Amino acid sequence: MKSVSGKDFIKLLEKKGWELRRVKGSHHIYAQAGNLFRISVPVHGNAPLKLGLQKHLMKIAEIDESEL
């Protein structure tokens, strides 16, 4: 699986209709209308997300590996 940075993952979320609700420190909190889940994406410059976290966020946001 290709590892992406927090900044790149945020771009994917916004294409899927997720909206930025707030920022607390380096964590950007996203929500989607009609969805109970919230997604917290750590943005640490261009550092890649850890694979376990990335897979979990992709599952919640319904992002396929081919979209990376």
PDB file of N, CA and C in Angstrom:
ATOM      1  N   MET A   1       0.837  -1.180   0.000  1.00  0.00           N
ATOM      2  CA  MET A   1       0.000   0.000   0.000  1.00  0.00           C
ATOM      3  C   MET A   1       0.885   1.247   0.000  1.00  0.00           C
ATOM      4  N   LYS A   2       0.482   2.217  -0.782  1.00  0.00           N
ATOM      5  CA  LYS A   2       1.203   3.472  -0.864  1.00  0.00           C
ATOM      6  C   LYS A   2       0.874   4.326   0.356  1.00  0.00           C
ATOM      7  N   SER A   3       1.903   4.797   1.033  1.00  0.00           N
ATOM      8  CA  SER A   3       1.705   5.663   2.193  1.00  0.00           C
ATOM      9  C   SER A   3       1.595   7.104   1.718  1.00  0.00           C
ATOM     10  N   VAL A   4       0.637   7.853   2.267  1.00  0.00           N
ATOM     11  CA  VAL A   4       0.448   9.250   1.883  1.00  0.00           C
ATOM     12  C   VAL A   4       0.590  10.136   3.115  1.00  0.00           C
ATOM     13  N   SER A   5       0.849  11.406   2.874  1.00  0.00           N
ATOM     14  CA  SER A   5       0.964  12.356   3.977  1.00  0.00           C
ATOM     15  C   SER A   5      -0.431  12.778   4.427  1.00  0.00           C
ATOM     16  N   GLY A   6      -0.488  13.411   5.584  1.00  0.00           N
ATOM     17  CA  GLY A   6      -1.767  13.915   6.086  1.00  0.00           C
ATOM     18  C   GLY A   6      -2.375  14.933   5.140  1.00  0.00           C
ATOM     19  N   LYS A   7      -1.527  15.778   4.551  1.00  0.00           N
ATOM     20  CA  LYS A   7      -2.011  16.798   3.610  1.00  0.00           C
ATOM     21  C   LYS A   7      -2.666  16.162   2.392  1.00  0.00           C
ATOM     22  N   ASP A   8      -2.037  15.119   1.862  1.00  0.00           N
ATOM     23  CA  ASP A   8      -2.595  14.441   0.689  1.00  0.00           C
ATOM     24  C   ASP A   8      -3.880  13.697   1.041  1.00  0.00           C
ATOM     25  N   PHE A   9      -3.930  13.112   2.242  1.00  0.00           N
ATOM     26  CA  PHE A   9      -5.131  12.392   2.655  1.00  0.00           C
ATOM     27  C   PHE A   9      -6.307  13.351   2.811  1.00  0.00           C
ATOM     28  N   ILE A  10      -6.030  14.550   3.296  1.00  0.00           N
ATOM     29  CA  ILE A  10      -7.081  15.566   3.448  1.00  0.00           C
ATOM     30  C   ILE A  10      -7.677  15.917   2.082  1.00  0.00           C
ATOM     31  N   LYS A  11      -6.841  16.016   1.061  1.00  0.00           N
ATOM     32  CA  LYS A  11      -7.340  16.310  -0.291  1.00  0.00           C
ATOM     33  C   LYS A  11      -8.302  15.222  -0.763  1.00  0.00           C
ATOM     34  N   LEU A  12      -7.964  13.963  -0.459  1.00  0.00           N
ATOM     35  CA  LEU A  12      -8.859  12.857  -0.825  1.00  0.00           C
ATOM     36  C   LEU A  12     -10.186  12.951  -0.075  1.00  0.00           C
ATOM     37  N   LEU A  13     -10.111  13.276   1.218  1.00  0.00           N
ATOM     38  CA  LEU A  13     -11.337  13.399   2.010  1.00  0.00           C
ATOM     39  C   LEU A  13     -12.253  14.480   1.450  1.00  0.00           C
ATOM     40  N   GLU A  14     -11.667  15.616   1.101  1.00  0.00           N
ATOM     41  CA  GLU A  14     -12.477  16.725   0.601  1.00  0.00           C
ATOM     42  C   GLU A  14     -13.116  16.392  -0.743  1.00  0.00           C
ATOM     43  N   LYS A  15     -12.449  15.590  -1.572  1.00  0.00           N
ATOM     44  CA  LYS A  15     -13.048  15.137  -2.831  1.00  0.00           C
ATOM     45  C   LYS A  15     -14.242  14.227  -2.572  1.00  0.00           C
ATOM     46  N   LYS A  16     -14.200  13.486  -1.450  1.00  0.00           N
ATOM     47  CA  LYS A  16     -15.285  12.559  -1.096  1.00  0.00           C
ATOM     48  C   LYS A  16     -16.431  13.252  -0.373  1.00  0.00           C
ATOM     49  N   GLY A  17     -16.339  14.566  -0.146  1.00  0.00           N
ATOM     50  CA  GLY A  17     -17.430  15.301   0.482  1.00  0.00           C
ATOM     51  C   GLY A  17     -17.281  15.513   1.978  1.00  0.00           C
ATOM     52  N   TRP A  18     -16.130  15.219   2.540  1.00  0.00           N
ATOM     53  CA  TRP A  18     -15.889  15.461   3.967  1.00  0.00           C
ATOM     54  C   TRP A  18     -15.537  16.935   4.141  1.00  0.00           C
ATOM     55  N   GLU A  19     -15.990  17.522   5.257  1.00  0.00           N
ATOM     56  CA  GLU A  19     -15.775  18.942   5.513  1.00  0.00           C
ATOM     57  C   GLU A  19     -14.965  19.134   6.781  1.00  0.00           C
ATOM     58  N   LEU A  20     -14.059  20.101   6.741  1.00  0.00           N
ATOM     59  CA  LEU A  20     -13.260  20.431   7.911  1.00  0.00           C
ATOM     60  C   LEU A  20     -14.151  21.094   8.945  1.00  0.00           C
ATOM     61  N   ARG A  21     -14.194  20.530  10.147  1.00  0.00           N
ATOM     62  CA  ARG A  21     -15.020  21.096  11.220  1.00  0.00           C
ATOM     63  C   ARG A  21     -14.191  21.945  12.169  1.00  0.00           C
ATOM     64  N   ARG A  22     -12.986  21.461  12.508  1.00  0.00           N
ATOM     65  CA  ARG A  22     -12.135  22.237  13.402  1.00  0.00           C
ATOM     66  C   ARG A  22     -10.705  21.709  13.315  1.00  0.00           C
ATOM     67  N   VAL A  23      -9.792  22.495  13.853  1.00  0.00           N
ATOM     68  CA  VAL A  23      -8.382  22.107  13.928  1.00  0.00           C
ATOM     69  C   VAL A  23      -7.948  22.277  15.369  1.00  0.00           C
ATOM     70  N   LYS A  24      -7.359  21.230  15.921  1.00  0.00           N
ATOM     71  CA  LYS A  24      -6.848  21.301  17.287  1.00  0.00           C
ATOM     72  C   LYS A  24      -5.394  20.850  17.240  1.00  0.00           C
ATOM     73  N   GLY A  25      -4.502  21.821  17.318  1.00  0.00           N
ATOM     74  CA  GLY A  25      -3.083  21.499  17.188  1.00  0.00           C
ATOM     75  C   GLY A  25      -2.784  21.076  15.762  1.00  0.00           C
ATOM     76  N   SER A  26      -2.206  19.889  15.620  1.00  0.00           N
ATOM     77  CA  SER A  26      -1.875  19.390  14.284  1.00  0.00           C
ATOM     78  C   SER A  26      -2.933  18.432  13.747  1.00  0.00           C
ATOM     79  N   HIS A  27      -4.039  18.262  14.472  1.00  0.00           N
ATOM     80  CA  HIS A  27      -5.080  17.330  14.055  1.00  0.00           C
ATOM     81  C   HIS A  27      -6.248  18.092  13.426  1.00  0.00           C
ATOM     82  N   HIS A  28      -6.573  17.696  12.210  1.00  0.00           N
ATOM     83  CA  HIS A  28      -7.694  18.286  11.481  1.00  0.00           C
ATOM     84  C   HIS A  28      -8.872  17.329  11.602  1.00  0.00           C
ATOM     85  N   ILE A  29      -9.995  17.824  12.105  1.00  0.00           N
ATOM     86  CA  ILE A  29     -11.178  17.008  12.348  1.00  0.00           C
ATOM     87  C   ILE A  29     -12.161  17.215  11.208  1.00  0.00           C
ATOM     88  N   TYR A  30     -12.532  16.116  10.554  1.00  0.00           N
ATOM     89  CA  TYR A  30     -13.451  16.154   9.423  1.00  0.00           C
ATOM     90  C   TYR A  30     -14.731  15.413   9.748  1.00  0.00           C
ATOM     91  N   ALA A  31     -15.838  15.896   9.186  1.00  0.00           N
ATOM     92  CA  ALA A  31     -17.140  15.251   9.340  1.00  0.00           C
ATOM     93  C   ALA A  31     -17.854  15.321   7.997  1.00  0.00           C
ATOM     94  N   GLN A  32     -18.871  14.484   7.872  1.00  0.00           N
ATOM     95  CA  GLN A  32     -19.650  14.431   6.634  1.00  0.00           C
ATOM     96  C   GLN A  32     -21.118  14.471   6.991  1.00  0.00           C
ATOM     97  N   ALA A  33     -21.898  15.226   6.260  1.00  0.00           N
ATOM     98  CA  ALA A  33     -23.326  15.327   6.506  1.00  0.00           C
ATOM     99  C   ALA A  33     -23.975  13.952   6.395  1.00  0.00           C
ATOM    100  N   GLY A  34     -24.771  13.592   7.377  1.00  0.00           N
ATOM    101  CA  GLY A  34     -25.457  12.315   7.356  1.00  0.00           C
ATOM    102  C   GLY A  34     -24.606  11.149   7.821  1.00  0.00           C
ATOM    103  N   ASN A  35     -23.404  11.413   8.278  1.00  0.00           N
ATOM    104  CA  ASN A  35     -22.501  10.356   8.729  1.00  0.00           C
ATOM    105  C   ASN A  35     -22.172  10.598  10.203  1.00  0.00           C
ATOM    106  N   LEU A  36     -22.278   9.579  11.022  1.00  0.00           N
ATOM    107  CA  LEU A  36     -22.019   9.726  12.449  1.00  0.00           C
ATOM    108  C   LEU A  36     -20.534   9.789  12.783  1.00  0.00           C
ATOM    109  N   PHE A  37     -19.687   9.331  11.873  1.00  0.00           N
ATOM    110  CA  PHE A  37     -18.258   9.258  12.147  1.00  0.00           C
ATOM    111  C   PHE A  37     -17.576  10.613  11.995  1.00  0.00           C
ATOM    112  N   ARG A  38     -16.515  10.801  12.761  1.00  0.00           N
ATOM    113  CA  ARG A  38     -15.605  11.928  12.617  1.00  0.00           C
ATOM    114  C   ARG A  38     -14.235  11.341  12.281  1.00  0.00           C
ATOM    115  N   ILE A  39     -13.472  12.040  11.496  1.00  0.00           N
ATOM    116  CA  ILE A  39     -12.131  11.580  11.137  1.00  0.00           C
ATOM    117  C   ILE A  39     -11.131  12.632  11.591  1.00  0.00           C
ATOM    118  N   SER A  40     -10.147  12.200  12.358  1.00  0.00           N
ATOM    119  CA  SER A  40      -9.091  13.069  12.837  1.00  0.00           C
ATOM    120  C   SER A  40      -7.807  12.713  12.096  1.00  0.00           C
ATOM    121  N   VAL A  41      -7.316  13.656  11.299  1.00  0.00           N
ATOM    122  CA  VAL A  41      -6.126  13.414  10.488  1.00  0.00           C
ATOM    123  C   VAL A  41      -4.965  14.225  11.043  1.00  0.00           C
ATOM    124  N   PRO A  42      -3.887  13.561  11.482  1.00  0.00           N
ATOM    125  CA  PRO A  42      -2.717  14.306  11.943  1.00  0.00           C
ATOM    126  C   PRO A  42      -1.925  14.854  10.753  1.00  0.00           C
ATOM    127  N   VAL A  43      -1.626  16.134  10.788  1.00  0.00           N
ATOM    128  CA  VAL A  43      -0.876  16.766   9.708  1.00  0.00           C
ATOM    129  C   VAL A  43       0.448  17.248  10.299  1.00  0.00           C
ATOM    130  N   HIS A  44       1.495  16.522   9.987  1.00  0.00           N
ATOM    131  CA  HIS A  44       2.834  16.857  10.473  1.00  0.00           C
ATOM    132  C   HIS A  44       3.731  17.109   9.263  1.00  0.00           C
ATOM    133  N   GLY A  45       3.573  18.264   8.645  1.00  0.00           N
ATOM    134  CA  GLY A  45       4.342  18.590   7.448  1.00  0.00           C
ATOM    135  C   GLY A  45       4.024  17.607   6.337  1.00  0.00           C
ATOM    136  N   ASN A  46       5.061  17.069   5.738  1.00  0.00           N
ATOM    137  CA  ASN A  46       4.874  16.084   4.671  1.00  0.00           C
ATOM    138  C   ASN A  46       5.183  14.674   5.148  1.00  0.00           C
ATOM    139  N   ALA A  47       5.163  14.459   6.455  1.00  0.00           N
ATOM    140  CA  ALA A  47       5.428  13.127   7.008  1.00  0.00           C
ATOM    141  C   ALA A  47       4.283  12.188   6.635  1.00  0.00           C
ATOM    142  N   PRO A  48       4.606  10.979   6.210  1.00  0.00           N
ATOM    143  CA  PRO A  48       3.536  10.034   5.832  1.00  0.00           C
ATOM    144  C   PRO A  48       2.777   9.526   7.053  1.00  0.00           C
ATOM    145  N   LEU A  49       1.507   9.216   6.838  1.00  0.00           N
ATOM    146  CA  LEU A  49       0.698   8.597   7.889  1.00  0.00           C
ATOM    147  C   LEU A  49       1.205   7.176   8.116  1.00  0.00           C
ATOM    148  N   LYS A  50       1.087   6.699   9.338  1.00  0.00           N
ATOM    149  CA  LYS A  50       1.441   5.305   9.601  1.00  0.00           C
ATOM    150  C   LYS A  50       0.385   4.421   8.936  1.00  0.00           C
ATOM    151  N   LEU A  51       0.814   3.264   8.453  1.00  0.00           N
ATOM    152  CA  LEU A  51      -0.071   2.429   7.625  1.00  0.00           C
ATOM    153  C   LEU A  51      -1.322   1.966   8.353  1.00  0.00           C
ATOM    154  N   GLY A  52      -1.191   1.617   9.634  1.00  0.00           N
ATOM    155  CA  GLY A  52      -2.370   1.173  10.385  1.00  0.00           C
ATOM    156  C   GLY A  52      -3.413   2.263  10.487  1.00  0.00           C
ATOM    157  N   LEU A  53      -2.980   3.478  10.788  1.00  0.00           N
ATOM    158  CA  LEU A  53      -3.892   4.621  10.873  1.00  0.00           C
ATOM    159  C   LEU A  53      -4.485   4.923   9.510  1.00  0.00           C
ATOM    160  N   GLN A  54      -3.664   4.892   8.483  1.00  0.00           N
ATOM    161  CA  GLN A  54      -4.138   5.181   7.131  1.00  0.00           C
ATOM    162  C   GLN A  54      -5.208   4.178   6.706  1.00  0.00           C
ATOM    163  N   LYS A  55      -4.999   2.902   6.964  1.00  0.00           N
ATOM    164  CA  LYS A  55      -5.993   1.886   6.608  1.00  0.00           C
ATOM    165  C   LYS A  55      -7.297   2.109   7.356  1.00  0.00           C
ATOM    166  N   HIS A  56      -7.198   2.463   8.637  1.00  0.00           N
ATOM    167  CA  HIS A  56      -8.396   2.707   9.444  1.00  0.00           C
ATOM    168  C   HIS A  56      -9.182   3.902   8.912  1.00  0.00           C
ATOM    169  N   LEU A  57      -8.482   4.989   8.610  1.00  0.00           N
ATOM    170  CA  LEU A  57      -9.151   6.181   8.086  1.00  0.00           C
ATOM    171  C   LEU A  57      -9.763   5.918   6.718  1.00  0.00           C
ATOM    172  N   MET A  58      -9.069   5.131   5.893  1.00  0.00           N
ATOM    173  CA  MET A  58      -9.597   4.799   4.570  1.00  0.00           C
ATOM    174  C   MET A  58     -10.874   3.972   4.690  1.00  0.00           C
ATOM    175  N   LYS A  59     -10.930   3.089   5.657  1.00  0.00           N
ATOM    176  CA  LYS A  59     -12.119   2.261   5.857  1.00  0.00           C
ATOM    177  C   LYS A  59     -13.305   3.124   6.264  1.00  0.00           C
ATOM    178  N   ILE A  60     -13.091   4.061   7.183  1.00  0.00           N
ATOM    179  CA  ILE A  60     -14.172   4.943   7.632  1.00  0.00           C
ATOM    180  C   ILE A  60     -14.656   5.832   6.489  1.00  0.00           C
ATOM    181  N   ALA A  61     -13.708   6.395   5.727  1.00  0.00           N
ATOM    182  CA  ALA A  61     -14.053   7.342   4.662  1.00  0.00           C
ATOM    183  C   ALA A  61     -14.452   6.649   3.368  1.00  0.00           C
ATOM    184  N   GLU A  62     -14.376   5.318   3.339  1.00  0.00           N
ATOM    185  CA  GLU A  62     -14.710   4.535   2.163  1.00  0.00           C
ATOM    186  C   GLU A  62     -13.852   4.950   0.952  1.00  0.00           C
ATOM    187  N   ILE A  63     -12.548   5.043   1.206  1.00  0.00           N
ATOM    188  CA  ILE A  63     -11.582   5.352   0.151  1.00  0.00           C
ATOM    189  C   ILE A  63     -10.889   4.051  -0.229  1.00  0.00           C
ATOM    190  N   ASP A  64     -10.868   3.762  -1.515  1.00  0.00           N
ATOM    191  CA  ASP A  64     -10.237   2.548  -2.013  1.00  0.00           C
ATOM    192  C   ASP A  64      -8.745   2.795  -2.220  1.00  0.00           C
ATOM    193  N   GLU A  65      -7.971   1.730  -2.131  1.00  0.00           N
ATOM    194  CA  GLU A  65      -6.516   1.834  -2.295  1.00  0.00           C
ATOM    195  C   GLU A  65      -6.146   2.364  -3.680  1.00  0.00           C
ATOM    196  N   SER A  66      -6.970   2.095  -4.668  1.00  0.00           N
ATOM    197  CA  SER A  66      -6.673   2.566  -6.033  1.00  0.00           C
ATOM    198  C   SER A  66      -6.804   4.088  -6.169  1.00  0.00           C
ATOM    199  N   GLU A  67      -7.468   4.735  -5.210  1.00  0.00           N
ATOM    200  CA  GLU A  67      -7.654   6.184  -5.264  1.00  0.00           C
ATOM    201  C   GLU A  67      -6.466   6.961  -4.725  1.00  0.00           C
ATOM    202  N   LEU A  68      -5.509   6.262  -4.103  1.00  0.00           N
ATOM    203  CA  LEU A  68      -4.354   6.956  -3.508  1.00  0.00           C
ATOM    204  C   LEU A  68      -3.434   7.518  -4.552  1.00  0.00           C
TER     205      LEU A  68
END
